[in-house]
Amino acid sequence: MSVDMESIQHLASLSNFSISEKQTESLEKDLSEILKYISQLDKVDVSEVEPTYQVFEMENVWRDDEILEQEATREELLALTKEQKDNQIKVPKVL
């Protein structure tokens, strides 16, 4: 993959960044060096390595939903609010 000024300007546009021509030139050089360094991975022989799909042994843990008895009553919780209306907590509009 090659990096040129046009692709950097395109990426900057997609990222909603404005960059100068001097910054573009610097990025072109830096990104080319990064890609060259990463391309060394293409030379690694992995033919004998089994693909790793999951690093840790993970499985879903399912449990039944339980309704637990609460210490506070509805009235006690409503008493902690600044405002209430129709047995509900009144909060400011958020748009």
N, C-alpha and C. Protein backbone atom coordinates (compact mmCIF):
# COMPACT_ATOMS: atom_id res chain seq x y z
N MET A 1 0.85 -1.18 0.00
CA MET A 1 0.00 0.00 0.00
C MET A 1 0.89 1.24 0.00
N SER A 2 0.59 2.15 -0.88
CA SER A 2 1.39 3.37 -0.94
C SER A 2 0.59 4.54 -0.38
N VAL A 3 1.33 5.48 0.16
CA VAL A 3 0.71 6.66 0.74
C VAL A 3 1.12 7.85 -0.12
N ASP A 4 0.15 8.60 -0.58
CA ASP A 4 0.46 9.80 -1.34
C ASP A 4 -0.31 10.98 -0.75
N MET A 5 -0.02 12.15 -1.23
CA MET A 5 -0.63 13.37 -0.69
C MET A 5 -2.14 13.36 -0.86
N GLU A 6 -2.58 12.80 -1.97
CA GLU A 6 -4.02 12.76 -2.24
C GLU A 6 -4.74 11.89 -1.20
N SER A 7 -4.18 10.73 -0.88
CA SER A 7 -4.83 9.85 0.09
C SER A 7 -4.81 10.47 1.49
N ILE A 8 -3.75 11.20 1.82
CA ILE A 8 -3.69 11.87 3.13
C ILE A 8 -4.72 12.98 3.20
N GLN A 9 -4.86 13.74 2.14
CA GLN A 9 -5.88 14.79 2.10
C GLN A 9 -7.28 14.18 2.21
N HIS A 10 -7.48 13.04 1.56
CA HIS A 10 -8.78 12.35 1.62
C HIS A 10 -9.07 11.90 3.05
N LEU A 11 -8.09 11.28 3.70
CA LEU A 11 -8.26 10.85 5.09
C LEU A 11 -8.52 12.04 6.02
N ALA A 12 -7.82 13.13 5.78
CA ALA A 12 -8.03 14.33 6.60
C ALA A 12 -9.45 14.86 6.40
N SER A 13 -9.92 14.81 5.17
CA SER A 13 -11.28 15.26 4.89
C SER A 13 -12.31 14.37 5.59
N LEU A 14 -12.10 13.05 5.52
CA LEU A 14 -13.01 12.12 6.18
C LEU A 14 -13.00 12.31 7.70
N SER A 15 -11.83 12.68 8.24
CA SER A 15 -11.69 12.87 9.68
C SER A 15 -12.06 14.27 10.12
N ASN A 16 -12.43 15.09 9.15
CA ASN A 16 -12.79 16.48 9.42
C ASN A 16 -11.62 17.27 10.02
N PHE A 17 -10.40 16.97 9.51
CA PHE A 17 -9.20 17.70 9.92
C PHE A 17 -8.79 18.62 8.79
N SER A 18 -8.25 19.75 9.15
CA SER A 18 -7.64 20.58 8.12
C SER A 18 -6.14 20.57 8.37
N ILE A 19 -5.39 20.17 7.35
CA ILE A 19 -3.94 20.10 7.49
C ILE A 19 -3.28 20.87 6.35
N SER A 20 -2.15 21.43 6.67
CA SER A 20 -1.42 22.22 5.66
C SER A 20 -0.65 21.29 4.73
N GLU A 21 -0.12 21.87 3.66
CA GLU A 21 0.66 21.07 2.72
C GLU A 21 1.93 20.56 3.38
N LYS A 22 2.52 21.37 4.25
CA LYS A 22 3.74 20.95 4.96
C LYS A 22 3.43 19.75 5.87
N GLN A 23 2.29 19.80 6.55
CA GLN A 23 1.89 18.68 7.41
C GLN A 23 1.61 17.44 6.58
N THR A 24 1.02 17.63 5.42
CA THR A 24 0.73 16.52 4.52
C THR A 24 2.01 15.83 4.09
N GLU A 25 3.00 16.61 3.74
CA GLU A 25 4.29 16.04 3.33
C GLU A 25 4.92 15.26 4.47
N SER A 26 4.86 15.81 5.67
CA SER A 26 5.42 15.13 6.83
C SER A 26 4.67 13.83 7.12
N LEU A 27 3.35 13.88 7.04
CA LEU A 27 2.54 12.67 7.26
C LEU A 27 2.81 11.62 6.20
N GLU A 28 2.99 12.06 4.97
CA GLU A 28 3.27 11.12 3.89
C GLU A 28 4.55 10.34 4.19
N LYS A 29 5.56 11.03 4.63
CA LYS A 29 6.84 10.40 4.96
C LYS A 29 6.67 9.46 6.17
N ASP A 30 6.03 9.95 7.22
CA ASP A 30 5.86 9.15 8.44
C ASP A 30 5.01 7.91 8.20
N LEU A 31 3.89 8.07 7.52
CA LEU A 31 3.02 6.92 7.26
C LEU A 31 3.68 5.89 6.35
N SER A 32 4.47 6.35 5.39
CA SER A 32 5.19 5.42 4.52
C SER A 32 6.17 4.58 5.34
N GLU A 33 6.87 5.21 6.27
CA GLU A 33 7.81 4.50 7.13
C GLU A 33 7.08 3.51 8.04
N ILE A 34 5.95 3.90 8.56
CA ILE A 34 5.17 3.01 9.43
C ILE A 34 4.70 1.79 8.65
N LEU A 35 4.17 2.02 7.45
CA LEU A 35 3.70 0.91 6.62
C LEU A 35 4.84 -0.01 6.20
N LYS A 36 6.00 0.57 5.93
CA LYS A 36 7.16 -0.24 5.57
C LYS A 36 7.56 -1.13 6.75
N TYR A 37 7.53 -0.57 7.95
CA TYR A 37 7.87 -1.33 9.15
C TYR A 37 6.87 -2.46 9.38
N ILE A 38 5.60 -2.16 9.25
CA ILE A 38 4.55 -3.17 9.48
C ILE A 38 4.59 -4.25 8.40
N SER A 39 5.00 -3.92 7.20
CA SER A 39 5.03 -4.90 6.11
C SER A 39 6.03 -6.02 6.39
N GLN A 40 6.92 -5.83 7.35
CA GLN A 40 7.85 -6.90 7.74
C GLN A 40 7.08 -8.13 8.24
N LEU A 41 5.90 -7.93 8.75
CA LEU A 41 5.09 -9.05 9.24
C LEU A 41 4.71 -10.00 8.10
N ASP A 42 4.66 -9.49 6.86
CA ASP A 42 4.33 -10.34 5.73
C ASP A 42 5.39 -11.42 5.49
N LYS A 43 6.61 -11.18 5.96
CA LYS A 43 7.72 -12.11 5.74
C LYS A 43 7.80 -13.21 6.79
N VAL A 44 7.01 -13.09 7.86
CA VAL A 44 7.05 -14.06 8.95
C VAL A 44 6.34 -15.34 8.51
N ASP A 45 7.01 -16.48 8.73
CA ASP A 45 6.42 -17.77 8.37
C ASP A 45 5.49 -18.22 9.50
N VAL A 46 4.20 -18.26 9.21
CA VAL A 46 3.21 -18.66 10.21
C VAL A 46 2.48 -19.93 9.76
N SER A 47 3.08 -20.67 8.84
CA SER A 47 2.43 -21.86 8.30
C SER A 47 2.19 -22.93 9.37
N GLU A 48 3.01 -22.97 10.39
CA GLU A 48 2.88 -23.99 11.44
C GLU A 48 2.15 -23.46 12.67
N VAL A 49 1.64 -22.25 12.60
CA VAL A 49 0.97 -21.64 13.75
C VAL A 49 -0.53 -21.76 13.57
N GLU A 50 -1.16 -22.31 14.60
CA GLU A 50 -2.62 -22.45 14.54
C GLU A 50 -3.27 -21.09 14.78
N PRO A 51 -4.29 -20.74 14.00
CA PRO A 51 -4.94 -19.43 14.19
C PRO A 51 -5.55 -19.32 15.58
N THR A 52 -5.45 -18.14 16.12
CA THR A 52 -6.02 -17.86 17.44
C THR A 52 -7.25 -16.99 17.25
N TYR A 53 -8.39 -17.54 17.62
CA TYR A 53 -9.63 -16.80 17.48
C TYR A 53 -10.00 -16.11 18.78
N GLN A 54 -9.61 -16.72 19.87
CA GLN A 54 -9.93 -16.18 21.18
C GLN A 54 -8.72 -16.39 22.07
N VAL A 55 -8.22 -15.34 22.66
CA VAL A 55 -7.03 -15.44 23.49
C VAL A 55 -7.35 -16.11 24.82
N PHE A 56 -8.46 -15.77 25.41
CA PHE A 56 -8.86 -16.34 26.68
C PHE A 56 -10.02 -17.30 26.48
N GLU A 57 -10.06 -18.31 27.31
CA GLU A 57 -11.20 -19.22 27.28
C GLU A 57 -12.39 -18.47 27.85
N MET A 58 -13.34 -18.17 27.02
CA MET A 58 -14.50 -17.41 27.48
C MET A 58 -15.77 -18.15 27.11
N GLU A 59 -16.75 -18.03 27.94
CA GLU A 59 -18.05 -18.59 27.64
C GLU A 59 -19.10 -17.72 28.30
N ASN A 60 -20.29 -17.75 27.73
CA ASN A 60 -21.38 -16.98 28.32
C ASN A 60 -21.79 -17.61 29.64
N VAL A 61 -22.02 -16.76 30.60
CA VAL A 61 -22.49 -17.23 31.89
C VAL A 61 -23.91 -16.73 32.05
N TRP A 62 -24.84 -17.64 32.09
CA TRP A 62 -26.25 -17.27 32.18
C TRP A 62 -26.74 -17.53 33.59
N ARG A 63 -27.60 -16.68 34.06
CA ARG A 63 -28.22 -16.89 35.36
C ARG A 63 -29.67 -16.46 35.28
N ASP A 64 -30.47 -17.01 36.15
CA ASP A 64 -31.87 -16.63 36.19
C ASP A 64 -32.01 -15.24 36.79
N ASP A 65 -32.93 -14.45 36.24
CA ASP A 65 -33.22 -13.15 36.83
C ASP A 65 -33.97 -13.36 38.14
N GLU A 66 -33.51 -12.66 39.15
CA GLU A 66 -34.17 -12.75 40.45
C GLU A 66 -34.61 -11.36 40.87
N ILE A 67 -35.80 -11.25 41.36
CA ILE A 67 -36.27 -9.99 41.92
C ILE A 67 -36.00 -10.06 43.41
N LEU A 68 -35.12 -9.18 43.87
CA LEU A 68 -34.74 -9.16 45.28
C LEU A 68 -35.54 -8.10 46.03
N GLU A 69 -35.83 -8.38 47.23
CA GLU A 69 -36.55 -7.43 48.08
C GLU A 69 -35.64 -6.25 48.38
N GLN A 70 -36.17 -5.03 48.22
CA GLN A 70 -35.39 -3.82 48.47
C GLN A 70 -35.69 -3.29 49.87
N GLU A 71 -34.67 -2.66 50.45
CA GLU A 71 -34.84 -2.13 51.81
C GLU A 71 -35.68 -0.86 51.82
N ALA A 72 -35.59 -0.06 50.76
CA ALA A 72 -36.31 1.21 50.71
C ALA A 72 -37.66 1.02 50.03
N THR A 73 -38.63 1.76 50.52
CA THR A 73 -39.95 1.71 49.90
C THR A 73 -40.03 2.78 48.82
N ARG A 74 -41.03 2.70 47.98
CA ARG A 74 -41.24 3.69 46.92
C ARG A 74 -41.38 5.09 47.52
N GLU A 75 -42.11 5.20 48.61
CA GLU A 75 -42.34 6.49 49.25
C GLU A 75 -41.04 7.07 49.80
N GLU A 76 -40.19 6.23 50.37
CA GLU A 76 -38.91 6.71 50.90
C GLU A 76 -38.01 7.21 49.77
N LEU A 77 -38.01 6.51 48.65
CA LEU A 77 -37.19 6.94 47.51
C LEU A 77 -37.73 8.24 46.90
N LEU A 78 -39.03 8.35 46.78
CA LEU A 78 -39.62 9.58 46.25
C LEU A 78 -39.35 10.76 47.18
N ALA A 79 -39.25 10.52 48.47
CA ALA A 79 -38.98 11.60 49.43
C ALA A 79 -37.57 12.17 49.25
N LEU A 80 -36.68 11.44 48.60
CA LEU A 80 -35.31 11.91 48.38
C LEU A 80 -35.20 12.84 47.17
N THR A 81 -36.23 12.96 46.36
CA THR A 81 -36.16 13.76 45.14
C THR A 81 -36.55 15.21 45.41
N LYS A 82 -36.11 16.08 44.51
CA LYS A 82 -36.49 17.50 44.63
C LYS A 82 -37.95 17.69 44.29
N GLU A 83 -38.36 17.08 43.17
CA GLU A 83 -39.75 17.24 42.73
C GLU A 83 -40.33 15.90 42.34
N GLN A 84 -41.62 15.76 42.55
CA GLN A 84 -42.32 14.56 42.11
C GLN A 84 -43.71 14.94 41.63
N LYS A 85 -44.22 14.12 40.73
CA LYS A 85 -45.54 14.37 40.19
C LYS A 85 -46.16 13.03 39.84
N ASP A 86 -47.38 12.81 40.24
CA ASP A 86 -48.10 11.56 39.96
C ASP A 86 -47.30 10.34 40.40
N ASN A 87 -46.71 10.43 41.59
CA ASN A 87 -45.98 9.30 42.17
C ASN A 87 -44.73 8.92 41.34
N GLN A 88 -44.17 9.92 40.61
CA GLN A 88 -42.98 9.71 39.80
C GLN A 88 -42.01 10.84 40.04
N ILE A 89 -40.73 10.59 39.76
CA ILE A 89 -39.71 11.63 39.91
C ILE A 89 -39.80 12.58 38.74
N LYS A 90 -39.85 13.88 39.01
CA LYS A 90 -39.92 14.90 37.94
C LYS A 90 -38.51 15.40 37.68
N VAL A 91 -38.09 15.35 36.42
CA VAL A 91 -36.75 15.78 36.03
C VAL A 91 -36.87 16.82 34.92
N PRO A 92 -35.83 17.67 34.73
CA PRO A 92 -35.89 18.66 33.65
C PRO A 92 -35.89 18.00 32.28
N LYS A 93 -36.46 18.69 31.30
CA LYS A 93 -36.45 18.21 29.93
C LYS A 93 -35.02 18.18 29.40
N VAL A 94 -34.70 17.14 28.67
CA VAL A 94 -33.39 17.03 28.04
C VAL A 94 -33.63 16.79 26.55
N LEU A 95 -33.21 17.74 25.74
CA LEU A 95 -33.41 17.60 24.29
C LEU A 95 -32.08 17.61 23.59
